[in-house]
Each structure stands twice: as structure tokens, then as C-alpha cells.
Amino acid sequence: MAVTTIQLEKKLVKSLQQAREYPRQTYNELIKKMLHSFQTTKKNNQYDEFLHKVQQQKMKELWGNKHDEVWEDA
């Protein structure tokens, strides 16, 4: 396994220490888990945005018609 050294702000290291799930959890484990969560959330958001765009046109068709506008003044 190749290992590297990265520089982090002390404030970030303190935040990482506080984010640990257990005292002996390594930063490597923690960052892997955080990265996995981030990627999953990003993928889900992209899917939600896609669905929203697809649904917009259908909603315009359903709501943007003269029959519905008549009911607004009822």
C-alpha cells in the first residue's frame, strides 16, 4: 500500500478528530467513509435533479391549460 503525506490546517485536523466514530479510527478510514457518503449524496442529487427536469414539462402540460384556469375564479 502506497502512503503519502498531506498538509491539513490544524482546525481541520481537530474537526476530523471530533468526527471519529471511535477513538482508534484512522484518518484514512474516516476520510474514505466521508468520501463514500459525499459521492452517494452527489449521485442521488443528480438523479433527483434529472427527475425534476423530466417532471417539469409534464407538470406544465397538466397545470398549464385553460380548463384549470376556469377554476381559479370559481
N, C-alpha and C. Protein backbone atom coordinates (compact mmCIF):
# COMPACT_ATOMS: atom_id res chain seq x y z
N MET A 1 0.85 -1.17 0.00
CA MET A 1 0.00 0.00 0.00
C MET A 1 0.89 1.24 0.00
N ALA A 2 0.69 2.10 -0.98
CA ALA A 2 1.44 3.34 -1.05
C ALA A 2 0.81 4.36 -0.11
N VAL A 3 1.62 5.08 0.59
CA VAL A 3 1.15 6.07 1.55
C VAL A 3 1.77 7.41 1.22
N THR A 4 1.00 8.47 1.45
CA THR A 4 1.50 9.81 1.20
C THR A 4 1.22 10.70 2.40
N THR A 5 1.84 11.84 2.42
CA THR A 5 1.62 12.81 3.48
C THR A 5 0.93 14.02 2.87
N ILE A 6 -0.14 14.48 3.53
CA ILE A 6 -0.82 15.69 3.06
C ILE A 6 -0.81 16.71 4.18
N GLN A 7 -0.86 17.96 3.80
CA GLN A 7 -0.89 19.02 4.80
C GLN A 7 -2.33 19.46 5.01
N LEU A 8 -2.72 19.54 6.27
CA LEU A 8 -4.06 19.97 6.64
C LEU A 8 -3.96 21.09 7.67
N GLU A 9 -4.91 21.98 7.62
CA GLU A 9 -4.96 23.03 8.64
C GLU A 9 -5.25 22.37 9.99
N LYS A 10 -4.69 22.92 11.05
CA LYS A 10 -4.88 22.34 12.38
C LYS A 10 -6.36 22.30 12.76
N LYS A 11 -7.10 23.30 12.31
CA LYS A 11 -8.53 23.36 12.59
C LYS A 11 -9.25 22.16 11.95
N LEU A 12 -8.83 21.80 10.75
CA LEU A 12 -9.43 20.67 10.06
C LEU A 12 -9.08 19.35 10.76
N VAL A 13 -7.86 19.24 11.22
CA VAL A 13 -7.44 18.03 11.95
C VAL A 13 -8.28 17.88 13.22
N LYS A 14 -8.52 18.98 13.89
CA LYS A 14 -9.34 18.95 15.11
C LYS A 14 -10.77 18.50 14.76
N SER A 15 -11.29 18.99 13.65
CA SER A 15 -12.63 18.58 13.22
C SER A 15 -12.66 17.09 12.88
N LEU A 16 -11.60 16.60 12.24
CA LEU A 16 -11.51 15.18 11.93
C LEU A 16 -11.47 14.34 13.21
N GLN A 17 -10.73 14.81 14.20
CA GLN A 17 -10.65 14.10 15.48
C GLN A 17 -12.04 14.00 16.12
N GLN A 18 -12.79 15.08 16.05
CA GLN A 18 -14.13 15.10 16.66
C GLN A 18 -15.13 14.25 15.86
N ALA A 19 -14.86 14.06 14.57
CA ALA A 19 -15.78 13.30 13.70
C ALA A 19 -15.58 11.80 13.81
N ARG A 20 -14.53 11.36 14.45
CA ARG A 20 -14.26 9.92 14.56
C ARG A 20 -15.42 9.21 15.22
N GLU A 21 -15.67 8.00 14.74
CA GLU A 21 -16.74 7.18 15.32
C GLU A 21 -16.25 6.40 16.53
N TYR A 22 -14.96 6.16 16.58
CA TYR A 22 -14.35 5.51 17.73
C TYR A 22 -12.91 6.03 17.84
N PRO A 23 -12.35 6.01 19.04
CA PRO A 23 -11.05 6.66 19.29
C PRO A 23 -9.89 6.22 18.39
N ARG A 24 -9.83 4.95 18.01
CA ARG A 24 -8.69 4.46 17.25
C ARG A 24 -8.95 4.46 15.73
N GLN A 25 -10.04 5.09 15.31
CA GLN A 25 -10.33 5.17 13.88
C GLN A 25 -9.29 6.05 13.21
N THR A 26 -8.71 5.57 12.13
CA THR A 26 -7.66 6.33 11.45
C THR A 26 -8.30 7.42 10.58
N TYR A 27 -7.49 8.42 10.27
CA TYR A 27 -7.98 9.47 9.37
C TYR A 27 -8.26 8.87 7.99
N ASN A 28 -7.47 7.90 7.59
CA ASN A 28 -7.68 7.23 6.31
C ASN A 28 -9.07 6.58 6.26
N GLU A 29 -9.44 5.86 7.32
CA GLU A 29 -10.76 5.23 7.38
C GLU A 29 -11.87 6.28 7.37
N LEU A 30 -11.66 7.31 8.15
CA LEU A 30 -12.66 8.37 8.28
C LEU A 30 -12.86 9.10 6.95
N ILE A 31 -11.78 9.44 6.28
CA ILE A 31 -11.87 10.16 5.01
C ILE A 31 -12.51 9.28 3.94
N LYS A 32 -12.17 7.99 3.93
CA LYS A 32 -12.81 7.06 2.98
C LYS A 32 -14.32 7.04 3.18
N LYS A 33 -14.73 6.96 4.44
CA LYS A 33 -16.17 6.91 4.74
C LYS A 33 -16.85 8.23 4.35
N MET A 34 -16.20 9.34 4.64
CA MET A 34 -16.76 10.65 4.28
C MET A 34 -16.87 10.80 2.76
N LEU A 35 -15.85 10.35 2.06
CA LEU A 35 -15.84 10.42 0.60
C LEU A 35 -16.95 9.56 0.01
N HIS A 36 -17.14 8.37 0.56
CA HIS A 36 -18.22 7.50 0.10
C HIS A 36 -19.58 8.17 0.32
N SER A 37 -19.78 8.77 1.47
CA SER A 37 -21.04 9.48 1.76
C SER A 37 -21.26 10.64 0.80
N PHE A 38 -20.20 11.39 0.54
CA PHE A 38 -20.28 12.53 -0.37
C PHE A 38 -20.66 12.07 -1.78
N GLN A 39 -20.00 11.01 -2.26
CA GLN A 39 -20.26 10.52 -3.62
C GLN A 39 -21.68 9.98 -3.74
N THR A 40 -22.15 9.28 -2.73
CA THR A 40 -23.51 8.76 -2.74
C THR A 40 -24.53 9.89 -2.77
N THR A 41 -24.31 10.89 -1.94
CA THR A 41 -25.22 12.04 -1.90
C THR A 41 -25.22 12.77 -3.24
N LYS A 42 -24.05 12.94 -3.81
CA LYS A 42 -23.93 13.63 -5.09
C LYS A 42 -24.68 12.85 -6.18
N LYS A 43 -24.52 11.54 -6.19
CA LYS A 43 -25.21 10.70 -7.18
C LYS A 43 -26.72 10.81 -7.01
N ASN A 44 -27.19 10.76 -5.77
CA ASN A 44 -28.63 10.86 -5.50
C ASN A 44 -29.17 12.23 -5.91
N ASN A 45 -28.42 13.28 -5.65
CA ASN A 45 -28.85 14.62 -6.04
C ASN A 45 -28.94 14.76 -7.54
N GLN A 46 -28.01 14.16 -8.27
CA GLN A 46 -28.05 14.22 -9.73
C GLN A 46 -29.30 13.50 -10.23
N TYR A 47 -29.65 12.39 -9.63
CA TYR A 47 -30.84 11.64 -10.02
C TYR A 47 -32.09 12.46 -9.72
N ASP A 48 -32.14 13.10 -8.55
CA ASP A 48 -33.29 13.93 -8.18
C ASP A 48 -33.44 15.11 -9.14
N GLU A 49 -32.33 15.74 -9.52
CA GLU A 49 -32.38 16.85 -10.46
C GLU A 49 -32.89 16.38 -11.82
N PHE A 50 -32.45 15.21 -12.26
CA PHE A 50 -32.91 14.65 -13.53
C PHE A 50 -34.43 14.43 -13.49
N LEU A 51 -34.92 13.81 -12.42
CA LEU A 51 -36.36 13.57 -12.30
C LEU A 51 -37.13 14.88 -12.28
N HIS A 52 -36.61 15.87 -11.59
CA HIS A 52 -37.28 17.16 -11.51
C HIS A 52 -37.42 17.79 -12.89
N LYS A 53 -36.35 17.74 -13.68
CA LYS A 53 -36.39 18.32 -15.03
C LYS A 53 -37.38 17.57 -15.92
N VAL A 54 -37.40 16.25 -15.80
CA VAL A 54 -38.33 15.46 -16.61
C VAL A 54 -39.77 15.77 -16.21
N GLN A 55 -40.01 15.94 -14.93
CA GLN A 55 -41.36 16.18 -14.44
C GLN A 55 -41.86 17.59 -14.74
N GLN A 56 -40.96 18.55 -14.89
CA GLN A 56 -41.36 19.94 -15.14
C GLN A 56 -42.26 20.05 -16.37
N GLN A 57 -41.87 19.44 -17.46
CA GLN A 57 -42.64 19.52 -18.69
C GLN A 57 -44.03 18.92 -18.51
N LYS A 58 -44.11 17.78 -17.85
CA LYS A 58 -45.40 17.14 -17.62
C LYS A 58 -46.28 17.99 -16.73
N MET A 59 -45.70 18.61 -15.72
CA MET A 59 -46.48 19.47 -14.83
C MET A 59 -47.03 20.68 -15.59
N LYS A 60 -46.24 21.23 -16.52
CA LYS A 60 -46.73 22.34 -17.34
C LYS A 60 -47.92 21.88 -18.18
N GLU A 61 -47.84 20.68 -18.72
CA GLU A 61 -48.94 20.14 -19.52
C GLU A 61 -50.20 19.96 -18.66
N LEU A 62 -50.02 19.45 -17.45
CA LEU A 62 -51.16 19.17 -16.59
C LEU A 62 -51.77 20.43 -15.99
N TRP A 63 -50.95 21.36 -15.59
CA TRP A 63 -51.44 22.55 -14.90
C TRP A 63 -51.61 23.76 -15.80
N GLY A 64 -50.90 23.78 -16.90
CA GLY A 64 -50.93 24.96 -17.76
C GLY A 64 -51.98 24.84 -18.86
N ASN A 65 -53.26 24.62 -18.49
CA ASN A 65 -54.29 24.51 -19.51
C ASN A 65 -55.49 25.37 -19.14
N LYS A 66 -56.32 25.67 -20.12
CA LYS A 66 -57.46 26.57 -19.93
C LYS A 66 -58.50 26.00 -18.97
N HIS A 67 -58.67 24.68 -18.93
CA HIS A 67 -59.67 24.08 -18.06
C HIS A 67 -59.38 24.37 -16.59
N ASP A 68 -58.13 24.34 -16.20
CA ASP A 68 -57.77 24.62 -14.81
C ASP A 68 -57.90 26.10 -14.48
N GLU A 69 -57.64 26.97 -15.46
CA GLU A 69 -57.71 28.41 -15.21
C GLU A 69 -59.12 28.85 -14.89
N VAL A 70 -60.14 28.16 -15.41
CA VAL A 70 -61.53 28.48 -15.13
C VAL A 70 -61.81 28.34 -13.63
N TRP A 71 -61.23 27.34 -13.00
CA TRP A 71 -61.47 27.09 -11.58
C TRP A 71 -60.83 28.13 -10.66
N GLU A 72 -59.86 28.87 -11.17
CA GLU A 72 -59.21 29.89 -10.33
C GLU A 72 -60.17 30.99 -9.93
N ASP A 73 -61.15 31.28 -10.76
CA ASP A 73 -62.10 32.36 -10.48
C ASP A 73 -63.40 31.85 -9.84
N ALA A 74 -63.48 30.56 -9.59
CA ALA A 74 -64.74 29.99 -9.04
C ALA A 74 -64.91 30.36 -7.58
